[in-house]
Amino acid sequence: MDRVPTLLPLRAHPLARPHAWEIVAGHGSAFTVVVDVAGGPGSGRDPVYTAAMSRLAAAGVRLLGYVDVNLSTRPIEQIRADVYRWAGYPVRGVFLDRVPVSPHSIGPVAIAARFAQRADLPDVVLNPGGPPDQTYRDLGLPICVFDGSWRDYRRWNGAGALPGDGHLVHAVPPWELDEAARLQVARGAGFGMVTDLGSPDPYSDLPAWCGQVPGLADLNPPTPLPRRPRPHRLTNTATATTATTAAARTGRTG
């Protein structure tokens, strides 16, 4: 089935959910992963995350660091500090979350994108979670125009979205994940994600469908169980012959 390129926010800690990181590595370049250490990069470089992210990068996974803009109310120096801390990790850019949609609040967003460019993190994605004002389009950056539940996504009329925008859809019943993925394609999404996980945190682990890695089973085939030998009866020829003779002498046939 056709899917849009996957942008996966991942808050699962590498030690608490090692399976999640292993599965993501199996998807390789098909995934872009937004890494969130502690509401951002944290206060210092974490060696556990550094090692886990390096393994993903080596597998071809594109990595972005999470930065909370908080509707442009967060002090710009805190945003700058987060961006430059991410430069110490093997990421290629930043994911600016909780971006406002008002043209009057674009200043901190534009400055944060400039910080990322200066920190050699050129891949910047904006997530206002809804269609923003046209001034945000003028920044020339990818934008997530939907970040919400499957129920709301089905009701959404797509107003303000453009082909190529990102759609993040969560709280999808497992039996409707394929339907949600098809709807993303039909609506012209350029990237995004559908997940069965919902509140309180839809990004605490992997969506159910992520475990279906093409070719992963072939890379590590299960060891076949040893065959159990079929039972058989050993026949003692001498004993059988003696018993037959004795029966003939007494006239017994069984």
Protein backbone atom coordinates (compact mmCIF):
# COMPACT_ATOMS: atom_id res chain seq x y z
CA MET A 1 0.00 0.00 0.00
CA ASP A 2 1.23 3.52 -0.83
CA ARG A 3 2.17 5.68 2.14
CA VAL A 4 3.47 9.20 2.39
CA PRO A 5 7.10 9.48 3.60
CA THR A 6 7.10 8.94 7.35
CA LEU A 7 7.91 11.68 9.85
CA LEU A 8 7.98 9.96 13.22
CA PRO A 9 8.16 11.93 16.49
CA LEU A 10 9.78 9.50 18.95
CA ARG A 11 9.89 10.10 22.70
CA ALA A 12 10.70 6.50 23.64
CA HIS A 13 13.92 6.34 25.66
CA PRO A 14 16.53 4.04 24.09
CA LEU A 15 16.91 2.07 27.33
CA ALA A 16 13.20 1.86 28.14
CA ARG A 17 12.10 0.98 24.58
CA PRO A 18 15.12 -0.53 22.82
CA HIS A 19 12.85 -2.48 20.45
CA ALA A 20 11.48 0.80 19.07
CA TRP A 21 14.93 2.05 18.09
CA GLU A 22 15.85 -1.29 16.54
CA ILE A 23 12.70 -1.35 14.42
CA VAL A 24 13.23 2.24 13.26
CA ALA A 25 16.79 1.36 12.20
CA GLY A 26 15.30 -1.46 10.12
CA HIS A 27 13.22 1.06 8.16
CA GLY A 28 16.36 3.05 7.33
CA SER A 29 16.00 5.95 4.92
CA ALA A 30 12.22 5.47 4.72
CA PHE A 31 11.93 7.30 8.07
CA THR A 32 12.60 10.80 9.34
CA VAL A 33 12.65 10.71 13.14
CA VAL A 34 12.12 13.65 15.48
CA VAL A 35 14.15 12.91 18.61
CA ASP A 36 13.06 14.37 21.95
CA VAL A 37 15.50 13.84 24.82
CA ALA A 38 13.76 15.92 27.49
CA GLY A 39 11.33 18.36 25.92
CA GLY A 40 14.22 19.21 23.61
CA PRO A 41 17.93 18.34 23.72
CA GLY A 42 18.15 18.42 27.52
CA SER A 43 20.73 20.34 29.50
CA GLY A 44 23.75 18.39 28.28
CA ARG A 45 24.75 15.75 25.80
CA ASP A 46 23.36 12.35 26.80
CA PRO A 47 25.72 9.47 25.86
CA VAL A 48 22.85 6.96 25.66
CA TYR A 49 20.98 9.08 23.15
CA THR A 50 24.18 9.87 21.28
CA ALA A 51 24.90 6.16 20.76
CA ALA A 52 21.30 5.32 19.82
CA MET A 53 21.03 8.21 17.38
CA SER A 54 24.37 7.36 15.80
CA ARG A 55 23.07 3.85 15.08
CA LEU A 56 19.99 5.29 13.39
CA ALA A 57 22.05 7.73 11.36
CA ALA A 58 24.35 4.90 10.24
CA ALA A 59 21.23 2.99 9.08
CA GLY A 60 20.21 5.93 6.89
CA VAL A 61 17.50 7.37 9.14
CA ARG A 62 17.17 11.15 8.84
CA LEU A 63 17.18 12.75 12.31
CA LEU A 64 15.70 16.02 13.52
CA GLY A 65 15.98 17.49 17.01
CA TYR A 66 12.85 18.64 18.83
CA VAL A 67 12.59 22.34 19.75
CA ASP A 68 9.51 23.78 21.47
CA VAL A 69 8.69 27.31 20.27
CA ASN A 70 5.63 27.51 22.57
CA LEU A 71 3.63 29.76 20.24
CA SER A 72 6.56 32.23 20.11
CA THR A 73 6.22 33.03 23.82
CA ARG A 74 9.43 31.24 24.76
CA PRO A 75 12.49 33.48 25.22
CA ILE A 76 14.56 33.48 22.06
CA GLU A 77 17.77 32.77 24.00
CA GLN A 78 16.29 29.49 25.26
CA ILE A 79 15.35 28.53 21.72
CA ARG A 80 18.84 29.42 20.53
CA ALA A 81 20.40 27.31 23.30
CA ASP A 82 18.29 24.29 22.31
CA VAL A 83 19.22 24.61 18.65
CA TYR A 84 22.94 24.76 19.40
CA ARG A 85 22.75 21.85 21.84
CA TRP A 86 21.23 19.76 19.06
CA ALA A 87 24.29 20.56 16.98
CA GLY A 88 26.22 18.25 19.33
CA TYR A 89 24.08 15.27 18.25
CA PRO A 90 24.05 13.48 14.87
CA VAL A 91 20.95 15.34 13.62
CA ARG A 92 20.45 17.04 10.27
CA GLY A 93 18.02 19.69 11.41
CA VAL A 94 15.33 20.69 13.90
CA PHE A 95 11.60 20.22 14.27
CA LEU A 96 10.07 23.46 15.56
CA ASP A 97 6.96 22.45 17.50
CA ARG A 98 4.01 24.57 18.67
CA VAL A 99 4.66 27.16 16.00
CA PRO A 100 2.01 29.91 15.96
CA VAL A 101 -0.15 30.59 12.92
CA SER A 102 -0.51 34.37 13.31
CA PRO A 103 1.62 36.59 11.06
CA HIS A 104 2.32 38.80 14.09
CA SER A 105 4.19 35.98 15.85
CA ILE A 106 6.46 34.83 13.05
CA GLY A 107 9.57 36.67 14.29
CA PRO A 108 10.88 34.05 16.77
CA VAL A 109 10.15 31.27 14.27
CA ALA A 110 12.17 32.95 11.53
CA ILE A 111 15.02 33.62 13.98
CA ALA A 112 15.00 29.98 15.17
CA ALA A 113 15.25 28.79 11.56
CA ARG A 114 18.20 31.14 11.06
CA PHE A 115 19.89 29.76 14.18
CA ALA A 116 19.55 26.26 12.76
CA GLN A 117 21.15 27.30 9.48
CA ARG A 118 24.08 28.85 11.32
CA ALA A 119 24.47 25.71 13.45
CA ASP A 120 24.78 23.63 10.25
CA LEU A 121 21.35 22.07 10.81
CA PRO A 122 19.73 22.98 7.48
CA ASP A 123 16.67 20.69 7.64
CA VAL A 124 13.95 22.63 9.47
CA VAL A 125 10.32 21.53 9.76
CA LEU A 126 7.58 23.73 11.24
CA ASN A 127 4.66 22.26 13.20
CA PRO A 128 1.87 24.73 13.87
CA GLY A 129 -0.55 21.77 13.84
CA GLY A 130 -2.88 23.74 11.57
CA PRO A 131 -2.64 25.81 8.39
CA PRO A 132 -0.60 28.96 9.15
CA ASP A 133 -0.67 32.42 7.66
CA GLN A 134 0.91 32.82 4.22
CA THR A 135 3.92 34.60 5.76
CA TYR A 136 5.10 31.24 7.13
CA ARG A 137 4.99 29.82 3.61
CA ASP A 138 7.38 32.56 2.57
CA LEU A 139 10.06 30.99 4.80
CA GLY A 140 10.24 28.13 2.29
CA LEU A 141 10.17 25.41 4.97
CA PRO A 142 8.11 22.19 5.21
CA ILE A 143 5.03 22.68 7.38
CA CYS A 144 2.83 20.23 9.29
CA VAL A 145 -0.67 21.61 8.79
CA PHE A 146 -2.43 18.92 10.79
CA ASP A 147 -1.47 17.36 14.13
CA GLY A 148 -4.48 15.77 15.77
CA SER A 149 -6.77 12.81 16.20
CA TRP A 150 -8.16 10.53 13.50
CA ARG A 151 -11.65 11.66 14.42
CA ASP A 152 -10.75 15.29 13.72
CA TYR A 153 -8.77 14.38 10.61
CA ARG A 154 -11.79 12.74 9.00
CA ARG A 155 -13.87 15.84 9.75
CA TRP A 156 -11.21 18.27 8.55
CA ASN A 157 -11.96 19.81 5.16
CA GLY A 158 -8.30 20.52 4.37
CA ALA A 159 -8.78 24.29 4.12
CA GLY A 160 -5.44 26.11 4.07
CA ALA A 161 -3.40 23.00 3.30
CA LEU A 162 -1.22 22.68 0.22
CA PRO A 163 0.06 19.58 -1.58
CA GLY A 164 3.27 18.45 0.10
CA ASP A 165 2.34 19.58 3.61
CA GLY A 166 2.73 17.27 6.61
CA HIS A 167 -0.19 15.47 8.29
CA LEU A 168 0.29 13.87 11.73
CA VAL A 169 -2.70 11.71 12.68
CA HIS A 170 -2.99 9.84 15.97
CA ALA A 171 -5.53 7.80 17.96
CA VAL A 172 -6.40 5.74 14.87
CA PRO A 173 -8.03 2.36 15.64
CA PRO A 174 -5.61 -0.35 14.52
CA TRP A 175 -8.09 -1.72 11.98
CA GLU A 176 -8.34 1.75 10.35
CA LEU A 177 -4.61 2.53 10.03
CA ASP A 178 -4.58 1.63 6.33
CA GLU A 179 -7.64 3.79 5.71
CA ALA A 180 -5.93 6.74 7.45
CA ALA A 181 -2.78 6.25 5.37
CA ARG A 182 -4.83 6.19 2.16
CA LEU A 183 -6.60 9.40 3.18
CA GLN A 184 -3.25 11.12 3.68
CA VAL A 185 -2.27 10.19 0.14
CA ALA A 186 -5.64 11.30 -1.24
CA ARG A 187 -5.30 14.68 0.46
CA GLY A 188 -1.88 15.29 -1.06
CA ALA A 189 0.22 15.04 2.09
CA GLY A 190 3.92 15.17 1.33
CA PHE A 191 4.95 13.52 4.61
CA GLY A 192 3.47 12.57 7.95
CA MET A 193 2.43 9.68 10.14
CA VAL A 194 -0.58 7.68 11.28
CA THR A 195 -0.48 6.00 14.68
CA ASP A 196 -2.87 3.99 16.81
CA LEU A 197 -1.42 5.59 19.95
CA GLY A 198 -3.31 8.47 21.51
CA SER A 199 -3.50 10.42 24.69
CA PRO A 200 -1.70 11.12 26.91
CA ASP A 201 1.25 10.83 24.51
CA PRO A 202 0.83 9.49 20.98
CA TYR A 203 4.60 9.51 20.46
CA SER A 204 5.68 7.46 23.48
CA ASP A 205 6.20 4.36 21.33
CA LEU A 206 5.88 3.14 17.76
CA PRO A 207 2.66 2.85 15.78
CA ALA A 208 1.46 -0.73 15.41
CA TRP A 209 2.27 -0.85 11.70
CA CYS A 210 5.95 0.11 12.22
CA GLY A 211 6.86 -3.44 13.16
CA GLN A 212 6.17 -4.51 9.60
CA VAL A 213 9.65 -3.89 8.23
CA PRO A 214 10.11 -5.16 4.67
CA GLY A 215 12.80 -7.82 4.64
CA LEU A 216 13.54 -7.63 8.37
CA ALA A 217 12.49 -11.24 8.93
CA ASP A 218 14.74 -12.33 6.09
CA LEU A 219 17.72 -10.63 7.69
CA ASN A 220 17.30 -12.62 10.90
CA PRO A 221 15.45 -15.84 10.03
CA PRO A 222 14.19 -17.77 13.05
CA THR A 223 16.19 -20.84 14.00
CA PRO A 224 14.14 -23.92 13.06
CA LEU A 225 13.13 -26.13 15.94
CA PRO A 226 14.88 -29.53 16.01
CA ARG A 227 12.74 -32.24 14.52
CA ARG A 228 11.38 -34.69 17.03
CA PRO A 229 12.24 -38.28 15.96
CA ARG A 230 9.30 -40.51 15.20
CA PRO A 231 8.94 -43.35 17.75
CA HIS A 232 9.53 -46.84 16.44
CA ARG A 233 9.41 -50.38 17.95
CA LEU A 234 12.44 -52.61 18.01
CA THR A 235 11.55 -56.25 17.20
CA ASN A 236 13.43 -59.01 18.97
CA THR A 237 13.45 -61.74 16.30
CA ALA A 238 14.59 -64.56 18.60
CA THR A 239 11.92 -63.83 21.19
CA ALA A 240 9.21 -63.62 18.55
CA THR A 241 10.23 -66.98 17.04
CA THR A 242 10.27 -68.74 20.45
CA ALA A 243 6.84 -67.42 21.29
CA THR A 244 5.43 -68.60 17.96
CA THR A 245 6.86 -72.12 18.46
CA ALA A 246 5.52 -72.42 22.00
CA ALA A 247 2.09 -71.42 20.86
CA ALA A 248 2.14 -74.03 18.10
CA ARG A 249 3.05 -76.80 20.58
CA THR A 250 0.16 -75.96 22.94
CA GLY A 251 -2.27 -75.40 20.10
CA ARG A 252 -2.80 -71.71 21.10
CA THR A 253 -3.07 -69.12 18.35
CA GLY A 254 -3.19 -66.00 20.49
